[in-house]
Amino acid sequence: MVARPALAVARAPELTGILLTLVAMGMFGTMDGLSKALVQSYPPQLVLWLRYLMALPLVILALAPRHPLVAMRQTRAFKLQLLRCLFLIVETGLVITAFKTLPLANAHSIFAVTPLVVTALSFFFLGEQVGWRRWTAVAIGFVGVLIILRPGLMPLGRDMAFIVVAMLLYATYMVLTRLVARVDAADTSYLLQSILMVLMLSLMGPFFLTPIALRHIPLLVLLGVLGAAGHYFLVQALALAPAVVVQPFTYTLLLWAVGIGYLFFGDLPDVWTGVGASLVVGAGLYAAWREHRRRAIPA
């Protein structure tokens, strides 16, 4: 009789982590919709710079006990922190550029394979064990990507090529983040990333500065708020629940992409994109389940 309440208490942090993940995915989906709308009127480089510039004060406020200079001193892997920020800048720049013409759902169908790519890269660069079942899931995920891209049957196109490269860059960024997490606290990495992103983008963004319409200023502010809050909620979710618990719920971002793309831009993925995305998501969910089982066995 006592076991059930105890189990419920034990699972309470995980449920909170799942809820925060769902909220974060909604914020990211809305943020991508805003980015797609804004790059119709402004250079992608400007939108990217203003997004991180608007977000930085909120990040510093959220992590007020950690002064920016403290974060600089506390990191024990500054070069890796700098490298992961460079990967993230190029990745985000490619994605925002592709959003100008590419439907959100098509882009996120490719990005859904990221966890599987991280699994493969972790085997080679982090020395993590990957069993044949998860390798099979990785292979099925890539088959799903091939169905979406249909090489040889239709031209790849510049924007879809950008998304594929961006996905690989983001997967590498995730591996670097896991590597940095071995020596730096999550708050330190988050604050340092926000500062470095603004500093590096400030070397480029001002050169693309153009007059901004008054009606777009609230959208740019909202873009920064959603980015800062979404990443913060995701960090908190991972602090409350293991990644294998949180990861399956990140696929709800694809639902947001489909809904926002249809409601505001009139975009709907074709049948083959839907089939490929289903394979990618299914393979990712299976890989997450296998990881959960693997971690549960010693207990």
C-alpha atoms as a PDB file:
ATOM      1  CA  MET A   1       0.000   0.000   0.000  1.00  0.00           C
ATOM      2  CA  VAL A   2       2.915   2.346   0.685  1.00  0.00           C
ATOM      3  CA  ALA A   3       4.742   1.482  -2.540  1.00  0.00           C
ATOM      4  CA  ARG A   4       2.347   3.291  -4.866  1.00  0.00           C
ATOM      5  CA  PRO A   5       2.530   6.721  -3.157  1.00  0.00           C
ATOM      6  CA  ALA A   6       6.304   6.329  -2.907  1.00  0.00           C
ATOM      7  CA  LEU A   7       6.458   5.501  -6.608  1.00  0.00           C
ATOM      8  CA  ALA A   8       4.293   8.511  -7.408  1.00  0.00           C
ATOM      9  CA  VAL A   9       6.609  10.790  -5.423  1.00  0.00           C
ATOM     10  CA  ALA A  10       9.640   9.315  -7.167  1.00  0.00           C
ATOM     11  CA  ARG A  11       8.088   9.960 -10.567  1.00  0.00           C
ATOM     12  CA  ALA A  12       6.931  13.517  -9.761  1.00  0.00           C
ATOM     13  CA  PRO A  13      10.235  15.138 -10.915  1.00  0.00           C
ATOM     14  CA  GLU A  14      10.134  13.120 -14.134  1.00  0.00           C
ATOM     15  CA  LEU A  15       6.567  14.246 -14.850  1.00  0.00           C
ATOM     16  CA  THR A  16       7.610  17.843 -14.252  1.00  0.00           C
ATOM     17  CA  GLY A  17      10.541  17.320 -16.607  1.00  0.00           C
ATOM     18  CA  ILE A  18       8.198  15.955 -19.285  1.00  0.00           C
ATOM     19  CA  LEU A  19       5.838  18.932 -18.856  1.00  0.00           C
ATOM     20  CA  LEU A  20       8.726  21.400 -19.147  1.00  0.00           C
ATOM     21  CA  THR A  21       9.900  19.590 -22.285  1.00  0.00           C
ATOM     22  CA  LEU A  22       6.449  19.893 -23.879  1.00  0.00           C
ATOM     23  CA  VAL A  23       6.347  23.612 -23.050  1.00  0.00           C
ATOM     24  CA  ALA A  24       9.861  24.085 -24.457  1.00  0.00           C
ATOM     25  CA  MET A  25       8.923  22.345 -27.721  1.00  0.00           C
ATOM     26  CA  GLY A  26       5.911  24.625 -28.076  1.00  0.00           C
ATOM     27  CA  MET A  27       8.183  27.630 -27.592  1.00  0.00           C
ATOM     28  CA  PHE A  28      10.698  26.349 -30.139  1.00  0.00           C
ATOM     29  CA  GLY A  29       7.943  25.663 -32.670  1.00  0.00           C
ATOM     30  CA  THR A  30       6.540  29.176 -32.244  1.00  0.00           C
ATOM     31  CA  MET A  31      10.062  30.611 -32.442  1.00  0.00           C
ATOM     32  CA  ASP A  32      10.680  28.832 -35.751  1.00  0.00           C
ATOM     33  CA  GLY A  33       7.401  30.169 -37.109  1.00  0.00           C
ATOM     34  CA  LEU A  34       8.424  33.715 -36.127  1.00  0.00           C
ATOM     35  CA  SER A  35      11.868  33.203 -37.696  1.00  0.00           C
ATOM     36  CA  LYS A  36      10.282  32.046 -40.951  1.00  0.00           C
ATOM     37  CA  ALA A  37       8.010  35.097 -40.978  1.00  0.00           C
ATOM     38  CA  LEU A  38      10.816  37.570 -40.191  1.00  0.00           C
ATOM     39  CA  VAL A  39      13.307  36.295 -42.796  1.00  0.00           C
ATOM     40  CA  GLN A  40      10.758  37.184 -45.459  1.00  0.00           C
ATOM     41  CA  SER A  41      11.541  40.843 -44.643  1.00  0.00           C
ATOM     42  CA  TYR A  42      15.054  40.859 -43.132  1.00  0.00           C
ATOM     43  CA  PRO A  43      18.437  39.183 -43.768  1.00  0.00           C
ATOM     44  CA  PRO A  44      18.789  35.865 -41.874  1.00  0.00           C
ATOM     45  CA  GLN A  45      22.054  37.110 -40.330  1.00  0.00           C
ATOM     46  CA  LEU A  46      20.240  40.076 -38.788  1.00  0.00           C
ATOM     47  CA  VAL A  47      17.389  37.931 -37.437  1.00  0.00           C
ATOM     48  CA  LEU A  48      19.880  35.486 -35.910  1.00  0.00           C
ATOM     49  CA  TRP A  49      21.916  38.248 -34.243  1.00  0.00           C
ATOM     50  CA  LEU A  50      18.859  40.031 -32.813  1.00  0.00           C
ATOM     51  CA  ARG A  51      17.433  36.755 -31.540  1.00  0.00           C
ATOM     52  CA  TYR A  52      20.432  36.056 -29.321  1.00  0.00           C
ATOM     53  CA  LEU A  53      20.894  39.731 -28.449  1.00  0.00           C
ATOM     54  CA  MET A  54      17.297  39.935 -27.167  1.00  0.00           C
ATOM     55  CA  ALA A  55      17.677  36.680 -25.248  1.00  0.00           C
ATOM     56  CA  LEU A  56      20.928  37.507 -23.413  1.00  0.00           C
ATOM     57  CA  PRO A  57      19.454  39.841 -20.727  1.00  0.00           C
ATOM     58  CA  LEU A  58      16.854  37.192 -19.868  1.00  0.00           C
ATOM     59  CA  VAL A  59      19.504  34.484 -19.582  1.00  0.00           C
ATOM     60  CA  ILE A  60      21.626  36.647 -17.281  1.00  0.00           C
ATOM     61  CA  LEU A  61      18.531  37.486 -15.201  1.00  0.00           C
ATOM     62  CA  ALA A  62      17.524  33.817 -14.933  1.00  0.00           C
ATOM     63  CA  LEU A  63      21.023  32.868 -13.817  1.00  0.00           C
ATOM     64  CA  ALA A  64      21.580  35.959 -11.676  1.00  0.00           C
ATOM     65  CA  PRO A  65      23.704  34.155  -9.028  1.00  0.00           C
ATOM     66  CA  ARG A  66      26.208  33.320 -11.777  1.00  0.00           C
ATOM     67  CA  HIS A  67      27.853  36.535 -12.906  1.00  0.00           C
ATOM     68  CA  PRO A  68      29.017  36.378 -16.563  1.00  0.00           C
ATOM     69  CA  LEU A  69      32.649  36.834 -15.500  1.00  0.00           C
ATOM     70  CA  VAL A  70      32.229  33.987 -13.013  1.00  0.00           C
ATOM     71  CA  ALA A  71      31.069  31.715 -15.837  1.00  0.00           C
ATOM     72  CA  MET A  72      34.156  32.649 -17.844  1.00  0.00           C
ATOM     73  CA  ARG A  73      36.419  31.737 -14.942  1.00  0.00           C
ATOM     74  CA  GLN A  74      34.573  28.583 -13.925  1.00  0.00           C
ATOM     75  CA  THR A  75      34.726  26.818 -17.272  1.00  0.00           C
ATOM     76  CA  ARG A  76      37.409  24.185 -17.575  1.00  0.00           C
ATOM     77  CA  ALA A  77      36.858  23.657 -21.286  1.00  0.00           C
ATOM     78  CA  PHE A  78      36.777  27.114 -22.867  1.00  0.00           C
ATOM     79  CA  LYS A  79      38.034  25.950 -26.276  1.00  0.00           C
ATOM     80  CA  LEU A  80      35.331  23.274 -26.455  1.00  0.00           C
ATOM     81  CA  GLN A  81      32.729  25.840 -25.363  1.00  0.00           C
ATOM     82  CA  LEU A  82      33.904  28.149 -28.137  1.00  0.00           C
ATOM     83  CA  LEU A  83      33.833  25.331 -30.702  1.00  0.00           C
ATOM     84  CA  ARG A  84      30.303  24.248 -29.836  1.00  0.00           C
ATOM     85  CA  CYS A  85      29.141  27.866 -30.168  1.00  0.00           C
ATOM     86  CA  LEU A  86      30.688  28.084 -33.635  1.00  0.00           C
ATOM     87  CA  PHE A  87      28.858  24.911 -34.672  1.00  0.00           C
ATOM     88  CA  LEU A  88      25.608  26.319 -33.277  1.00  0.00           C
ATOM     89  CA  ILE A  89      25.998  29.655 -35.106  1.00  0.00           C
ATOM     90  CA  VAL A  90      26.539  27.998 -38.482  1.00  0.00           C
ATOM     91  CA  GLU A  91      23.743  25.485 -37.835  1.00  0.00           C
ATOM     92  CA  THR A  92      21.198  28.109 -36.796  1.00  0.00           C
ATOM     93  CA  GLY A  93      22.200  30.389 -39.664  1.00  0.00           C
ATOM     94  CA  LEU A  94      21.645  27.617 -42.211  1.00  0.00           C
ATOM     95  CA  VAL A  95      18.278  26.724 -40.690  1.00  0.00           C
ATOM     96  CA  ILE A  96      16.964  30.302 -40.643  1.00  0.00           C
ATOM     97  CA  THR A  97      18.141  30.817 -44.227  1.00  0.00           C
ATOM     98  CA  ALA A  98      16.371  27.632 -45.339  1.00  0.00           C
ATOM     99  CA  PHE A  99      13.169  28.638 -43.517  1.00  0.00           C
ATOM    100  CA  LYS A 100      12.643  31.440 -46.045  1.00  0.00           C
ATOM    101  CA  THR A 101      11.338  28.988 -48.648  1.00  0.00           C
ATOM    102  CA  LEU A 102      11.318  25.541 -47.020  1.00  0.00           C
ATOM    103  CA  PRO A 103       8.205  24.356 -45.123  1.00  0.00           C
ATOM    104  CA  LEU A 104       8.794  24.004 -41.378  1.00  0.00           C
ATOM    105  CA  ALA A 105       7.563  20.404 -41.367  1.00  0.00           C
ATOM    106  CA  ASN A 106      10.072  19.341 -44.033  1.00  0.00           C
ATOM    107  CA  ALA A 107      12.940  20.876 -42.072  1.00  0.00           C
ATOM    108  CA  HIS A 108      11.914  19.289 -38.782  1.00  0.00           C
ATOM    109  CA  SER A 109      11.363  15.915 -40.431  1.00  0.00           C
ATOM    110  CA  ILE A 110      15.106  15.893 -41.154  1.00  0.00           C
ATOM    111  CA  PHE A 111      16.006  17.272 -37.727  1.00  0.00           C
ATOM    112  CA  ALA A 112      14.040  14.471 -36.069  1.00  0.00           C
ATOM    113  CA  VAL A 113      16.929  12.119 -36.923  1.00  0.00           C
ATOM    114  CA  THR A 114      19.349  14.158 -34.763  1.00  0.00           C
ATOM    115  CA  PRO A 115      19.113  11.880 -31.663  1.00  0.00           C
ATOM    116  CA  LEU A 116      20.026   8.884 -33.828  1.00  0.00           C
ATOM    117  CA  VAL A 117      23.012  10.716 -35.313  1.00  0.00           C
ATOM    118  CA  VAL A 118      24.078  11.661 -31.779  1.00  0.00           C
ATOM    119  CA  THR A 119      23.872   7.965 -30.852  1.00  0.00           C
ATOM    120  CA  ALA A 120      26.180   7.055 -33.748  1.00  0.00           C
ATOM    121  CA  LEU A 121      28.645   9.885 -33.052  1.00  0.00           C
ATOM    122  CA  SER A 122      28.712   9.073 -29.329  1.00  0.00           C
ATOM    123  CA  PHE A 123      29.971   5.587 -30.147  1.00  0.00           C
ATOM    124  CA  PHE A 124      32.945   6.971 -32.072  1.00  0.00           C
ATOM    125  CA  PHE A 125      33.787  10.118 -30.090  1.00  0.00           C
ATOM    126  CA  LEU A 126      32.541   9.480 -26.552  1.00  0.00           C
ATOM    127  CA  GLY A 127      33.218   5.749 -26.346  1.00  0.00           C
ATOM    128  CA  GLU A 128      29.588   4.972 -25.437  1.00  0.00           C
ATOM    129  CA  GLN A 129      28.305   1.444 -25.990  1.00  0.00           C
ATOM    130  CA  VAL A 130      25.705   1.069 -28.753  1.00  0.00           C
ATOM    131  CA  GLY A 131      24.086  -2.331 -29.210  1.00  0.00           C
ATOM    132  CA  TRP A 132      22.918  -3.835 -32.483  1.00  0.00           C
ATOM    133  CA  ARG A 133      19.297  -2.889 -31.777  1.00  0.00           C
ATOM    134  CA  ARG A 134      20.128   0.791 -31.532  1.00  0.00           C
ATOM    135  CA  TRP A 135      22.377   0.544 -34.601  1.00  0.00           C
ATOM    136  CA  THR A 136      19.353  -0.908 -36.397  1.00  0.00           C
ATOM    137  CA  ALA A 137      17.274   2.058 -35.215  1.00  0.00           C
ATOM    138  CA  VAL A 138      19.956   4.408 -36.575  1.00  0.00           C
ATOM    139  CA  ALA A 139      19.852   2.618 -39.945  1.00  0.00           C
ATOM    140  CA  ILE A 140      16.042   2.800 -40.095  1.00  0.00           C
ATOM    141  CA  GLY A 141      16.196   6.502 -39.241  1.00  0.00           C
ATOM    142  CA  PHE A 142      18.530   7.129 -42.149  1.00  0.00           C
ATOM    143  CA  VAL A 143      16.207   5.177 -44.449  1.00  0.00           C
ATOM    144  CA  GLY A 144      13.469   7.563 -43.338  1.00  0.00           C
ATOM    145  CA  VAL A 145      15.694  10.528 -44.244  1.00  0.00           C
ATOM    146  CA  LEU A 146      16.351   9.028 -47.686  1.00  0.00           C
ATOM    147  CA  ILE A 147      12.601   8.675 -48.225  1.00  0.00           C
ATOM    148  CA  ILE A 148      12.149  12.349 -47.345  1.00  0.00           C
ATOM    149  CA  LEU A 149      15.014  13.478 -49.615  1.00  0.00           C
ATOM    150  CA  ARG A 150      14.370  10.940 -52.433  1.00  0.00           C
ATOM    151  CA  PRO A 151      17.845  11.367 -53.986  1.00  0.00           C
ATOM    152  CA  GLY A 152      17.826  10.707 -57.718  1.00  0.00           C
ATOM    153  CA  LEU A 153      14.048  11.097 -57.943  1.00  0.00           C
ATOM    154  CA  MET A 154      13.908  14.811 -57.178  1.00  0.00           C
ATOM    155  CA  PRO A 155      16.526  17.573 -56.906  1.00  0.00           C
ATOM    156  CA  LEU A 156      17.850  18.039 -53.386  1.00  0.00           C
ATOM    157  CA  GLY A 157      17.677  21.824 -53.559  1.00  0.00           C
ATOM    158  CA  ARG A 158      19.841  24.340 -51.750  1.00  0.00           C
ATOM    159  CA  ASP A 159      17.564  24.796 -48.734  1.00  0.00           C
ATOM    160  CA  MET A 160      17.098  21.084 -48.072  1.00  0.00           C
ATOM    161  CA  ALA A 161      20.868  20.630 -48.404  1.00  0.00           C
ATOM    162  CA  PHE A 162      21.267  23.401 -45.816  1.00  0.00           C
ATOM    163  CA  ILE A 163      18.955  21.511 -43.446  1.00  0.00           C
ATOM    164  CA  VAL A 164      20.870  18.244 -43.851  1.00  0.00           C
ATOM    165  CA  VAL A 165      24.193  19.975 -43.141  1.00  0.00           C
ATOM    166  CA  ALA A 166      22.611  21.874 -40.230  1.00  0.00           C
ATOM    167  CA  MET A 167      21.300  18.638 -38.738  1.00  0.00           C
ATOM    168  CA  LEU A 168      24.783  17.098 -38.826  1.00  0.00           C
ATOM    169  CA  LEU A 169      26.256  20.243 -37.262  1.00  0.00           C
ATOM    170  CA  TYR A 170      23.624  20.232 -34.519  1.00  0.00           C
ATOM    171  CA  ALA A 171      24.285  16.559 -33.762  1.00  0.00           C
ATOM    172  CA  THR A 172      27.995  17.382 -33.443  1.00  0.00           C
ATOM    173  CA  TYR A 173      27.093  20.314 -31.179  1.00  0.00           C
ATOM    174  CA  MET A 174      25.109  17.925 -28.967  1.00  0.00           C
ATOM    175  CA  VAL A 175      28.061  15.532 -28.714  1.00  0.00           C
ATOM    176  CA  LEU A 176      30.341  18.445 -27.790  1.00  0.00           C
ATOM    177  CA  THR A 177      27.792  19.538 -25.192  1.00  0.00           C
ATOM    178  CA  ARG A 178      27.832  16.080 -23.613  1.00  0.00           C
ATOM    179  CA  LEU A 179      31.622  16.177 -23.649  1.00  0.00           C
ATOM    180  CA  VAL A 180      31.681  19.626 -21.998  1.00  0.00           C
ATOM    181  CA  ALA A 181      29.156  18.441 -19.387  1.00  0.00           C
ATOM    182  CA  ARG A 182      31.845  16.164 -17.969  1.00  0.00           C
ATOM    183  CA  VAL A 183      33.771  19.162 -16.643  1.00  0.00           C
ATOM    184  CA  ASP A 184      31.423  22.184 -16.665  1.00  0.00           C
ATOM    185  CA  ALA A 185      28.115  22.725 -14.874  1.00  0.00           C
ATOM    186  CA  ALA A 186      24.997  23.087 -17.049  1.00  0.00           C
ATOM    187  CA  ASP A 187      24.350  26.667 -15.879  1.00  0.00           C
ATOM    188  CA  THR A 188      27.923  27.643 -16.695  1.00  0.00           C
ATOM    189  CA  SER A 189      27.643  26.192 -20.208  1.00  0.00           C
ATOM    190  CA  TYR A 190      24.267  27.821 -20.812  1.00  0.00           C
ATOM    191  CA  LEU A 191      25.374  31.283 -19.680  1.00  0.00           C
ATOM    192  CA  LEU A 192      28.728  31.069 -21.429  1.00  0.00           C
ATOM    193  CA  GLN A 193      27.067  29.925 -24.657  1.00  0.00           C
ATOM    194  CA  SER A 194      24.657  32.876 -24.575  1.00  0.00           C
ATOM    195  CA  ILE A 195      27.492  35.367 -24.054  1.00  0.00           C
ATOM    196  CA  LEU A 196      29.790  33.883 -26.699  1.00  0.00           C
ATOM    197  CA  MET A 197      26.972  33.650 -29.257  1.00  0.00           C
ATOM    198  CA  VAL A 198      26.179  37.360 -28.888  1.00  0.00           C
ATOM    199  CA  LEU A 199      29.857  38.353 -29.023  1.00  0.00           C
ATOM    200  CA  MET A 200      30.567  36.297 -32.156  1.00  0.00           C
ATOM    201  CA  LEU A 201      27.352  37.296 -33.937  1.00  0.00           C
ATOM    202  CA  SER A 202      28.044  40.961 -33.140  1.00  0.00           C
ATOM    203  CA  LEU A 203      31.027  40.691 -35.479  1.00  0.00           C
ATOM    204  CA  MET A 204      28.610  39.944 -38.334  1.00  0.00           C
ATOM    205  CA  GLY A 205      25.058  41.055 -37.504  1.00  0.00           C
ATOM    206  CA  PRO A 206      25.540  44.865 -37.576  1.00  0.00           C
ATOM    207  CA  PHE A 207      26.746  44.684 -41.208  1.00  0.00           C
ATOM    208  CA  PHE A 208      23.264  43.434 -42.196  1.00  0.00           C
ATOM    209  CA  LEU A 209      21.383  46.054 -40.171  1.00  0.00           C
ATOM    210  CA  THR A 210      18.380  47.433 -42.047  1.00  0.00           C
ATOM    211  CA  PRO A 211      15.456  49.624 -40.935  1.00  0.00           C
ATOM    212  CA  ILE A 212      13.037  47.576 -38.825  1.00  0.00           C
ATOM    213  CA  ALA A 213       9.298  48.215 -39.028  1.00  0.00           C
ATOM    214  CA  LEU A 214       7.637  49.082 -35.718  1.00  0.00           C
ATOM    215  CA  ARG A 215       5.206  46.171 -36.048  1.00  0.00           C
ATOM    216  CA  HIS A 216       8.137  43.730 -36.194  1.00  0.00           C
ATOM    217  CA  ILE A 217       9.893  44.932 -33.028  1.00  0.00           C
ATOM    218  CA  PRO A 218       7.543  42.999 -30.671  1.00  0.00           C
ATOM    219  CA  LEU A 219       8.091  39.898 -32.819  1.00  0.00           C
ATOM    220  CA  LEU A 220      11.873  40.215 -32.503  1.00  0.00           C
ATOM    221  CA  VAL A 221      11.580  40.650 -28.736  1.00  0.00           C
ATOM    222  CA  LEU A 222       9.270  37.639 -28.549  1.00  0.00           C
ATOM    223  CA  LEU A 223      11.783  35.667 -30.629  1.00  0.00           C
ATOM    224  CA  GLY A 224      14.467  36.282 -28.008  1.00  0.00           C
ATOM    225  CA  VAL A 225      12.115  35.537 -25.106  1.00  0.00           C
ATOM    226  CA  LEU A 226      10.993  32.228 -26.604  1.00  0.00           C
ATOM    227  CA  GLY A 227      14.561  31.166 -27.376  1.00  0.00           C
ATOM    228  CA  ALA A 228      15.842  31.987 -23.887  1.00  0.00           C
ATOM    229  CA  ALA A 229      12.850  30.509 -22.052  1.00  0.00           C
ATOM    230  CA  GLY A 230      12.709  27.384 -24.232  1.00  0.00           C
ATOM    231  CA  HIS A 231      16.363  26.513 -23.673  1.00  0.00           C
ATOM    232  CA  TYR A 232      16.079  27.271 -19.966  1.00  0.00           C
ATOM    233  CA  PHE A 233      13.036  25.011 -19.570  1.00  0.00           C
ATOM    234  CA  LEU A 234      14.791  22.231 -21.478  1.00  0.00           C
ATOM    235  CA  VAL A 235      17.867  22.508 -19.255  1.00  0.00           C
ATOM    236  CA  GLN A 236      15.621  22.318 -16.182  1.00  0.00           C
ATOM    237  CA  ALA A 237      13.768  19.340 -17.666  1.00  0.00           C
ATOM    238  CA  LEU A 238      17.041  17.462 -18.130  1.00  0.00           C
ATOM    239  CA  ALA A 239      17.965  18.303 -14.539  1.00  0.00           C
ATOM    240  CA  LEU A 240      14.717  16.724 -13.316  1.00  0.00           C
ATOM    241  CA  ALA A 241      14.487  13.708 -15.633  1.00  0.00           C
ATOM    242  CA  PRO A 242      16.990  11.518 -17.513  1.00  0.00           C
ATOM    243  CA  ALA A 243      17.521  12.310 -21.190  1.00  0.00           C
ATOM    244  CA  VAL A 244      15.986   8.965 -22.192  1.00  0.00           C
ATOM    245  CA  VAL A 245      12.750  10.034 -20.481  1.00  0.00           C
ATOM    246  CA  VAL A 246      12.723  13.534 -21.962  1.00  0.00           C
ATOM    247  CA  GLN A 247      13.854  12.757 -25.510  1.00  0.00           C
ATOM    248  CA  PRO A 248      10.669  11.064 -26.844  1.00  0.00           C
ATOM    249  CA  PHE A 249       8.667  14.176 -26.025  1.00  0.00           C
ATOM    250  CA  THR A 250      10.969  16.377 -28.103  1.00  0.00           C
ATOM    251  CA  TYR A 251       9.330  14.847 -31.178  1.00  0.00           C
ATOM    252  CA  THR A 252       6.239  16.944 -30.430  1.00  0.00           C
ATOM    253  CA  LEU A 253       8.205  19.776 -32.057  1.00  0.00           C
ATOM    254  CA  LEU A 254       7.418  18.117 -35.390  1.00  0.00           C
ATOM    255  CA  LEU A 255       3.690  18.428 -34.604  1.00  0.00           C
ATOM    256  CA  TRP A 256       4.156  22.119 -33.867  1.00  0.00           C
ATOM    257  CA  ALA A 257       6.013  22.534 -37.165  1.00  0.00           C
ATOM    258  CA  VAL A 258       3.183  20.898 -39.126  1.00  0.00           C
ATOM    259  CA  GLY A 259       0.481  22.909 -37.345  1.00  0.00           C
ATOM    260  CA  ILE A 260       2.189  26.306 -37.543  1.00  0.00           C
ATOM    261  CA  GLY A 261       3.314  25.684 -41.120  1.00  0.00           C
ATOM    262  CA  TYR A 262      -0.242  24.889 -42.193  1.00  0.00           C
ATOM    263  CA  LEU A 263      -2.059  27.609 -40.212  1.00  0.00           C
ATOM    264  CA  PHE A 264       0.244  30.532 -41.008  1.00  0.00           C
ATOM    265  CA  PHE A 265       2.057  29.588 -44.218  1.00  0.00           C
ATOM    266  CA  GLY A 266      -0.292  27.130 -45.920  1.00  0.00           C
ATOM    267  CA  ASP A 267       2.378  24.405 -45.999  1.00  0.00           C
ATOM    268  CA  LEU A 268       1.673  20.700 -45.622  1.00  0.00           C
ATOM    269  CA  PRO A 269       4.235  17.894 -46.045  1.00  0.00           C
ATOM    270  CA  ASP A 270       3.586  15.439 -48.874  1.00  0.00           C
ATOM    271  CA  VAL A 271       2.860  11.749 -48.327  1.00  0.00           C
ATOM    272  CA  TRP A 272       6.473  10.616 -48.735  1.00  0.00           C
ATOM    273  CA  THR A 273       7.697  13.195 -46.239  1.00  0.00           C
ATOM    274  CA  GLY A 274       5.076  11.893 -43.808  1.00  0.00           C
ATOM    275  CA  VAL A 275       6.206   8.296 -44.345  1.00  0.00           C
ATOM    276  CA  GLY A 276       9.878   9.170 -43.912  1.00  0.00           C
ATOM    277  CA  ALA A 277       9.201  11.287 -40.833  1.00  0.00           C
ATOM    278  CA  SER A 278       7.192   8.427 -39.300  1.00  0.00           C
ATOM    279  CA  LEU A 279      10.136   6.063 -39.780  1.00  0.00           C
ATOM    280  CA  VAL A 280      12.561   8.581 -38.276  1.00  0.00           C
ATOM    281  CA  VAL A 281      10.380   9.265 -35.233  1.00  0.00           C
ATOM    282  CA  GLY A 282       9.590   5.570 -34.752  1.00  0.00           C
ATOM    283  CA  ALA A 283      13.272   4.661 -34.878  1.00  0.00           C
ATOM    284  CA  GLY A 284      14.100   7.459 -32.446  1.00  0.00           C
ATOM    285  CA  LEU A 285      11.432   6.338 -29.983  1.00  0.00           C
ATOM    286  CA  TYR A 286      12.678   2.751 -30.172  1.00  0.00           C
ATOM    287  CA  ALA A 287      16.275   3.875 -29.578  1.00  0.00           C
ATOM    288  CA  ALA A 288      15.137   5.893 -26.545  1.00  0.00           C
ATOM    289  CA  TRP A 289      13.221   2.881 -25.209  1.00  0.00           C
ATOM    290  CA  ARG A 290      16.272   0.626 -25.659  1.00  0.00           C
ATOM    291  CA  GLU A 291      18.434   3.156 -23.826  1.00  0.00           C
ATOM    292  CA  HIS A 292      15.887   3.240 -21.002  1.00  0.00           C
ATOM    293  CA  ARG A 293      15.914  -0.571 -20.783  1.00  0.00           C
ATOM    294  CA  ARG A 294      19.715  -0.640 -20.845  1.00  0.00           C
ATOM    295  CA  ARG A 295      19.956   1.807 -17.972  1.00  0.00           C
ATOM    296  CA  ALA A 296      17.281  -0.022 -15.970  1.00  0.00           C
ATOM    297  CA  ILE A 297      18.973  -3.441 -16.103  1.00  0.00           C
ATOM    298  CA  PRO A 298      21.679  -2.743 -13.455  1.00  0.00           C
ATOM    299  CA  ALA A 299      19.014  -1.461 -11.059  1.00  0.00           C
END
